[in-house]
Amino acid sequence: MLPKTRLGVTMLDKLKIYAGGEHPHQAQQPAPMDVQA
């Protein structure tokens, strides 16, 4: 949910949606993590 103010408009302007798992943002490369319970 976005606020219905100028802040919400700014957030919507910065929102990037990509189809699939490929994206050009190199800093955001999550890696799987083994967690043993």
PDB file of N, CA and C in Angstrom:
ATOM      1  N   MET A   1       0.846  -1.168   0.000  1.00  0.00           N
ATOM      2  CA  MET A   1       0.000   0.000   0.000  1.00  0.00           C
ATOM      3  C   MET A   1       0.897   1.238   0.000  1.00  0.00           C
ATOM      4  N   LEU A   2       0.521   2.170  -0.812  1.00  0.00           N
ATOM      5  CA  LEU A   2       1.258   3.425  -0.897  1.00  0.00           C
ATOM      6  C   LEU A   2       0.403   4.556  -0.345  1.00  0.00           C
ATOM      7  N   PRO A   3       1.050   5.538   0.278  1.00  0.00           N
ATOM      8  CA  PRO A   3       0.287   6.694   0.740  1.00  0.00           C
ATOM      9  C   PRO A   3      -0.245   7.493  -0.453  1.00  0.00           C
ATOM     10  N   LYS A   4      -1.353   8.155  -0.285  1.00  0.00           N
ATOM     11  CA  LYS A   4      -1.966   8.937  -1.356  1.00  0.00           C
ATOM     12  C   LYS A   4      -1.510  10.397  -1.290  1.00  0.00           C
ATOM     13  N   THR A   5      -0.220  10.580  -1.095  1.00  0.00           N
ATOM     14  CA  THR A   5       0.361  11.917  -1.007  1.00  0.00           C
ATOM     15  C   THR A   5       1.504  12.020  -2.006  1.00  0.00           C
ATOM     16  N   ARG A   6       2.243  13.126  -1.950  1.00  0.00           N
ATOM     17  CA  ARG A   6       3.406  13.281  -2.833  1.00  0.00           C
ATOM     18  C   ARG A   6       4.435  12.193  -2.579  1.00  0.00           C
ATOM     19  N   LEU A   7       4.531  11.728  -1.337  1.00  0.00           N
ATOM     20  CA  LEU A   7       5.468  10.648  -1.023  1.00  0.00           C
ATOM     21  C   LEU A   7       5.103   9.385  -1.795  1.00  0.00           C
ATOM     22  N   GLY A   8       3.827   9.063  -1.878  1.00  0.00           N
ATOM     23  CA  GLY A   8       3.381   7.892  -2.623  1.00  0.00           C
ATOM     24  C   GLY A   8       3.696   8.004  -4.102  1.00  0.00           C
ATOM     25  N   VAL A   9       3.531   9.193  -4.665  1.00  0.00           N
ATOM     26  CA  VAL A   9       3.854   9.414  -6.078  1.00  0.00           C
ATOM     27  C   VAL A   9       5.345   9.220  -6.307  1.00  0.00           C
ATOM     28  N   THR A  10       6.171   9.727  -5.403  1.00  0.00           N
ATOM     29  CA  THR A  10       7.621   9.563  -5.514  1.00  0.00           C
ATOM     30  C   THR A  10       8.009   8.097  -5.409  1.00  0.00           C
ATOM     31  N   MET A  11       7.393   7.377  -4.482  1.00  0.00           N
ATOM     32  CA  MET A  11       7.688   5.952  -4.327  1.00  0.00           C
ATOM     33  C   MET A  11       7.298   5.182  -5.585  1.00  0.00           C
ATOM     34  N   LEU A  12       6.164   5.525  -6.181  1.00  0.00           N
ATOM     35  CA  LEU A  12       5.709   4.855  -7.394  1.00  0.00           C
ATOM     36  C   LEU A  12       6.636   5.162  -8.561  1.00  0.00           C
ATOM     37  N   ASP A  13       7.170   6.383  -8.622  1.00  0.00           N
ATOM     38  CA  ASP A  13       8.119   6.740  -9.677  1.00  0.00           C
ATOM     39  C   ASP A  13       9.396   5.917  -9.580  1.00  0.00           C
ATOM     40  N   LYS A  14       9.827   5.589  -8.367  1.00  0.00           N
ATOM     41  CA  LYS A  14      11.072   4.852  -8.166  1.00  0.00           C
ATOM     42  C   LYS A  14      10.899   3.340  -8.237  1.00  0.00           C
ATOM     43  N   LEU A  15       9.661   2.861  -8.285  1.00  0.00           N
ATOM     44  CA  LEU A  15       9.388   1.430  -8.319  1.00  0.00           C
ATOM     45  C   LEU A  15       9.803   0.844  -9.660  1.00  0.00           C
ATOM     46  N   LYS A  16      10.564  -0.240  -9.621  1.00  0.00           N
ATOM     47  CA  LYS A  16      10.995  -0.925 -10.835  1.00  0.00           C
ATOM     48  C   LYS A  16      10.506  -2.364 -10.765  1.00  0.00           C
ATOM     49  N   ILE A  17       9.835  -2.820 -11.822  1.00  0.00           N
ATOM     50  CA  ILE A  17       9.305  -4.179 -11.873  1.00  0.00           C
ATOM     51  C   ILE A  17       9.896  -4.861 -13.093  1.00  0.00           C
ATOM     52  N   TYR A  18      10.467  -6.046 -12.888  1.00  0.00           N
ATOM     53  CA  TYR A  18      11.071  -6.810 -13.966  1.00  0.00           C
ATOM     54  C   TYR A  18      10.394  -8.167 -14.057  1.00  0.00           C
ATOM     55  N   ALA A  19      10.132  -8.615 -15.277  1.00  0.00           N
ATOM     56  CA  ALA A  19       9.582  -9.951 -15.492  1.00  0.00           C
ATOM     57  C   ALA A  19      10.744 -10.937 -15.455  1.00  0.00           C
ATOM     58  N   GLY A  20      10.643 -11.969 -14.629  1.00  0.00           N
ATOM     59  CA  GLY A  20      11.701 -12.964 -14.525  1.00  0.00           C
ATOM     60  C   GLY A  20      12.713 -12.598 -13.460  1.00  0.00           C
ATOM     61  N   GLY A  21      13.768 -13.387 -13.391  1.00  0.00           N
ATOM     62  CA  GLY A  21      14.765 -13.210 -12.351  1.00  0.00           C
ATOM     63  C   GLY A  21      15.951 -12.355 -12.752  1.00  0.00           C
ATOM     64  N   GLU A  22      15.989 -11.896 -13.986  1.00  0.00           N
ATOM     65  CA  GLU A  22      17.116 -11.094 -14.465  1.00  0.00           C
ATOM     66  C   GLU A  22      16.836  -9.613 -14.232  1.00  0.00           C
ATOM     67  N   HIS A  23      17.831  -8.902 -13.697  1.00  0.00           N
ATOM     68  CA  HIS A  23      17.726  -7.463 -13.509  1.00  0.00           C
ATOM     69  C   HIS A  23      19.123  -6.862 -13.556  1.00  0.00           C
ATOM     70  N   PRO A  24      19.250  -5.575 -13.890  1.00  0.00           N
ATOM     71  CA  PRO A  24      20.562  -4.951 -14.050  1.00  0.00           C
ATOM     72  C   PRO A  24      21.184  -4.440 -12.757  1.00  0.00           C
ATOM     73  N   HIS A  25      20.592  -4.720 -11.619  1.00  0.00           N
ATOM     74  CA  HIS A  25      21.096  -4.181 -10.361  1.00  0.00           C
ATOM     75  C   HIS A  25      22.091  -5.160  -9.740  1.00  0.00           C
ATOM     76  N   GLN A  26      23.365  -4.899  -9.902  1.00  0.00           N
ATOM     77  CA  GLN A  26      24.405  -5.814  -9.446  1.00  0.00           C
ATOM     78  C   GLN A  26      24.488  -5.904  -7.930  1.00  0.00           C
ATOM     79  N   ALA A  27      24.111  -4.864  -7.222  1.00  0.00           N
ATOM     80  CA  ALA A  27      24.222  -4.870  -5.765  1.00  0.00           C
ATOM     81  C   ALA A  27      23.191  -5.788  -5.117  1.00  0.00           C
ATOM     82  N   GLN A  28      22.132  -6.115  -5.837  1.00  0.00           N
ATOM     83  CA  GLN A  28      21.059  -6.930  -5.277  1.00  0.00           C
ATOM     84  C   GLN A  28      21.136  -8.342  -5.847  1.00  0.00           C
ATOM     85  N   GLN A  29      22.059  -9.138  -5.348  1.00  0.00           N
ATOM     86  CA  GLN A  29      22.223 -10.519  -5.797  1.00  0.00           C
ATOM     87  C   GLN A  29      22.113 -11.449  -4.593  1.00  0.00           C
ATOM     88  N   PRO A  30      20.903 -11.762  -4.159  1.00  0.00           N
ATOM     89  CA  PRO A  30      20.755 -12.629  -2.991  1.00  0.00           C
ATOM     90  C   PRO A  30      21.276 -14.037  -3.273  1.00  0.00           C
ATOM     91  N   ALA A  31      21.843 -14.655  -2.271  1.00  0.00           N
ATOM     92  CA  ALA A  31      22.362 -16.018  -2.384  1.00  0.00           C
ATOM     93  C   ALA A  31      21.606 -16.916  -1.412  1.00  0.00           C
ATOM     94  N   PRO A  32      21.349 -18.169  -1.793  1.00  0.00           N
ATOM     95  CA  PRO A  32      20.673 -19.086  -0.864  1.00  0.00           C
ATOM     96  C   PRO A  32      21.531 -19.344   0.370  1.00  0.00           C
ATOM     97  N   MET A  33      20.874 -19.578   1.492  1.00  0.00           N
ATOM     98  CA  MET A  33      21.570 -19.775   2.753  1.00  0.00           C
ATOM     99  C   MET A  33      21.085 -21.072   3.384  1.00  0.00           C
ATOM    100  N   ASP A  34      22.004 -21.937   3.756  1.00  0.00           N
ATOM    101  CA  ASP A  34      21.641 -23.195   4.403  1.00  0.00           C
ATOM    102  C   ASP A  34      21.381 -22.955   5.884  1.00  0.00           C
ATOM    103  N   VAL A  35      20.191 -23.319   6.322  1.00  0.00           N
ATOM    104  CA  VAL A  35      19.819 -23.177   7.725  1.00  0.00           C
ATOM    105  C   VAL A  35      19.417 -24.555   8.225  1.00  0.00           C
ATOM    106  N   GLN A  36      20.104 -25.025   9.237  1.00  0.00           N
ATOM    107  CA  GLN A  36      19.818 -26.352   9.768  1.00  0.00           C
ATOM    108  C   GLN A  36      19.099 -26.200  11.096  1.00  0.00           C
ATOM    109  N   ALA A  37      17.912 -26.770  11.169  1.00  0.00           N
ATOM    110  CA  ALA A  37      17.102 -26.637  12.386  1.00  0.00           C
ATOM    111  C   ALA A  37      17.455 -27.696  13.402  1.00  0.00           C
TER     112      ALA A  37
END
